Amino acid sequence: MERSSDSHGPRIDEDLERLTESVTRGAPVESRAEEEREQEGPADREPVVDGVSHPTDGQDAREDVELRSELARHIEPSVFPCARDAVLLSAQRQRAPTDVLQRLEQLPEGQYTNIEAVWEALGGRRDRRDAPST
């Protein structure tokens, strides 16, 4: 049984379908390449929540997290494993900002299995993961 909503017209239905296309087709992650889909930052006088970094991490670690996130956001997961040129083409297709493209142009020739391999080849630090408590 197919369910549909008749509370809005076909134009809105098509727009909603376009917004969820990256999840229903291809990789099971949402695309963040479109500006309207980016997560909003905190409002005035609200704390900036960063659930990735640890309280003991410094400013450099936070900048690393942000840069790595930008790389991951602008490289399609479906291209891996791939060569350097495929990583660059993916970032161009995803309309990566100039600073991300410049960083990726420094990527050495080779094969990359995932975004972490790209990050490490660019000189990024490996993620610090806490051991599970037993």
Protein backbone atom coordinates (compact mmCIF):
# COMPACT_ATOMS: atom_id res chain seq x y z
CA MET A 1 0.00 0.00 0.00
CA GLU A 2 1.43 3.34 -0.99
CA ARG A 3 0.80 6.25 1.30
CA SER A 4 0.75 9.79 0.10
CA SER A 5 -0.18 13.13 1.49
CA ASP A 6 -2.66 15.35 -0.24
CA SER A 7 -2.04 18.27 2.13
CA HIS A 8 0.29 19.96 -0.37
CA GLY A 9 0.76 20.04 -4.11
CA PRO A 10 3.04 18.17 -6.51
CA ARG A 11 5.65 20.95 -6.54
CA ILE A 12 6.23 20.66 -2.79
CA ASP A 13 6.16 16.85 -3.02
CA GLU A 14 8.92 16.97 -5.65
CA ASP A 15 10.98 19.37 -3.54
CA LEU A 16 10.64 17.13 -0.48
CA GLU A 17 11.63 14.11 -2.55
CA ARG A 18 14.73 15.94 -3.82
CA LEU A 19 15.78 16.75 -0.25
CA THR A 20 15.64 13.10 0.81
CA GLU A 21 17.07 11.63 -2.40
CA SER A 22 20.58 11.22 -0.98
CA VAL A 23 19.20 8.96 1.74
CA THR A 24 16.82 6.93 -0.42
CA ARG A 25 19.32 6.50 -3.28
CA GLY A 26 23.02 5.85 -2.81
CA ALA A 27 24.86 6.25 0.45
CA PRO A 28 22.80 5.94 3.65
CA VAL A 29 23.93 9.37 4.84
CA GLU A 30 22.41 12.74 4.20
CA SER A 31 24.13 15.06 1.79
CA ARG A 32 25.18 18.35 3.32
CA ALA A 33 26.34 20.04 0.13
CA GLU A 34 23.26 22.23 -0.13
CA GLU A 35 23.25 25.32 2.04
CA GLU A 36 19.62 24.98 3.16
CA ARG A 37 20.43 21.53 4.56
CA GLU A 38 23.32 22.61 6.75
CA GLN A 39 22.79 22.45 10.47
CA GLU A 40 22.21 25.84 12.02
CA GLY A 41 24.72 27.17 14.49
CA PRO A 42 23.78 28.24 17.99
CA ALA A 43 21.76 31.41 18.50
CA ASP A 44 23.16 34.51 20.20
CA ARG A 45 24.35 33.85 23.74
CA GLU A 46 23.91 30.06 23.33
CA PRO A 47 26.90 27.83 24.04
CA VAL A 48 28.67 26.18 21.14
CA VAL A 49 28.27 22.45 21.60
CA ASP A 50 31.06 20.31 20.21
CA GLY A 51 30.35 16.69 21.01
CA VAL A 52 33.43 15.42 19.19
CA SER A 53 36.35 17.03 20.99
CA HIS A 54 37.40 16.21 24.50
CA PRO A 55 37.58 18.90 27.21
CA THR A 56 41.38 18.54 27.35
CA ASP A 57 41.79 19.14 23.60
CA GLY A 58 43.17 22.49 22.59
CA GLN A 59 42.29 24.94 19.83
CA ASP A 60 44.35 22.97 17.29
CA ALA A 61 42.30 19.83 17.94
CA ARG A 62 39.03 21.72 17.43
CA GLU A 63 40.35 23.16 14.16
CA ASP A 64 41.36 19.65 13.07
CA VAL A 65 37.85 18.39 13.79
CA GLU A 66 36.33 21.22 11.76
CA LEU A 67 38.67 20.71 8.81
CA ARG A 68 38.16 16.95 8.82
CA SER A 69 34.40 17.48 8.93
CA GLU A 70 34.62 19.82 5.94
CA LEU A 71 36.59 17.20 4.01
CA ALA A 72 34.10 14.47 4.86
CA ARG A 73 31.18 16.71 3.99
CA HIS A 74 32.50 17.42 0.51
CA ILE A 75 33.73 13.95 -0.51
CA GLU A 76 31.11 11.39 -1.47
CA PRO A 77 31.47 8.18 0.59
CA SER A 78 30.57 6.12 -2.48
CA VAL A 79 33.86 7.02 -4.26
CA PHE A 80 35.95 4.95 -1.85
CA PRO A 81 38.17 3.05 -2.40
CA CYS A 82 39.67 5.37 -5.01
CA ALA A 83 42.72 7.20 -6.30
CA ARG A 84 43.68 10.82 -5.58
CA ASP A 85 42.01 12.16 -8.74
CA ALA A 86 38.66 10.58 -7.82
CA VAL A 87 38.80 12.30 -4.41
CA LEU A 88 39.39 15.67 -6.11
CA LEU A 89 36.59 15.10 -8.63
CA SER A 90 34.17 14.16 -5.87
CA ALA A 91 34.97 17.33 -3.94
CA GLN A 92 34.48 19.41 -7.09
CA ARG A 93 31.10 17.73 -7.76
CA GLN A 94 30.06 18.51 -4.19
CA ARG A 95 31.07 22.17 -4.68
CA ALA A 96 33.72 22.11 -1.98
CA PRO A 97 35.01 25.53 -0.88
CA THR A 98 38.32 26.77 -2.29
CA ASP A 99 40.27 26.07 0.91
CA VAL A 100 39.11 22.43 0.93
CA LEU A 101 40.02 21.99 -2.75
CA GLN A 102 43.44 23.56 -2.15
CA ARG A 103 44.03 21.17 0.73
CA LEU A 104 43.00 18.18 -1.39
CA GLU A 105 45.35 19.25 -4.20
CA GLN A 106 48.20 18.56 -1.74
CA LEU A 107 47.03 14.94 -1.45
CA PRO A 108 49.80 12.54 -2.56
CA GLU A 109 49.16 10.08 -5.40
CA GLY A 110 47.87 6.77 -4.13
CA GLN A 111 44.81 4.71 -3.26
CA TYR A 112 42.53 5.75 -0.42
CA THR A 113 40.10 3.42 1.33
CA ASN A 114 38.11 6.03 3.25
CA ILE A 115 38.05 9.65 4.42
CA GLU A 116 40.31 8.78 7.36
CA ALA A 117 43.03 7.63 4.95
CA VAL A 118 42.70 10.93 3.06
CA TRP A 119 42.87 12.89 6.32
CA GLU A 120 45.99 11.07 7.50
CA ALA A 121 47.69 11.47 4.09
CA LEU A 122 47.15 15.23 4.44
CA GLY A 123 48.94 15.15 7.80
CA GLY A 124 45.88 15.03 10.01
CA ARG A 125 45.99 13.34 13.38
CA ARG A 126 44.31 10.00 13.89
CA ASP A 127 41.11 10.14 15.94
CA ARG A 128 41.62 9.67 19.66
CA ARG A 129 39.12 7.12 20.77
CA ASP A 130 38.43 6.29 24.36
CA ALA A 131 38.54 2.63 25.30
CA PRO A 132 35.12 1.24 26.19
CA SER A 133 34.55 0.93 29.90
CA THR A 134 34.03 -2.57 31.23
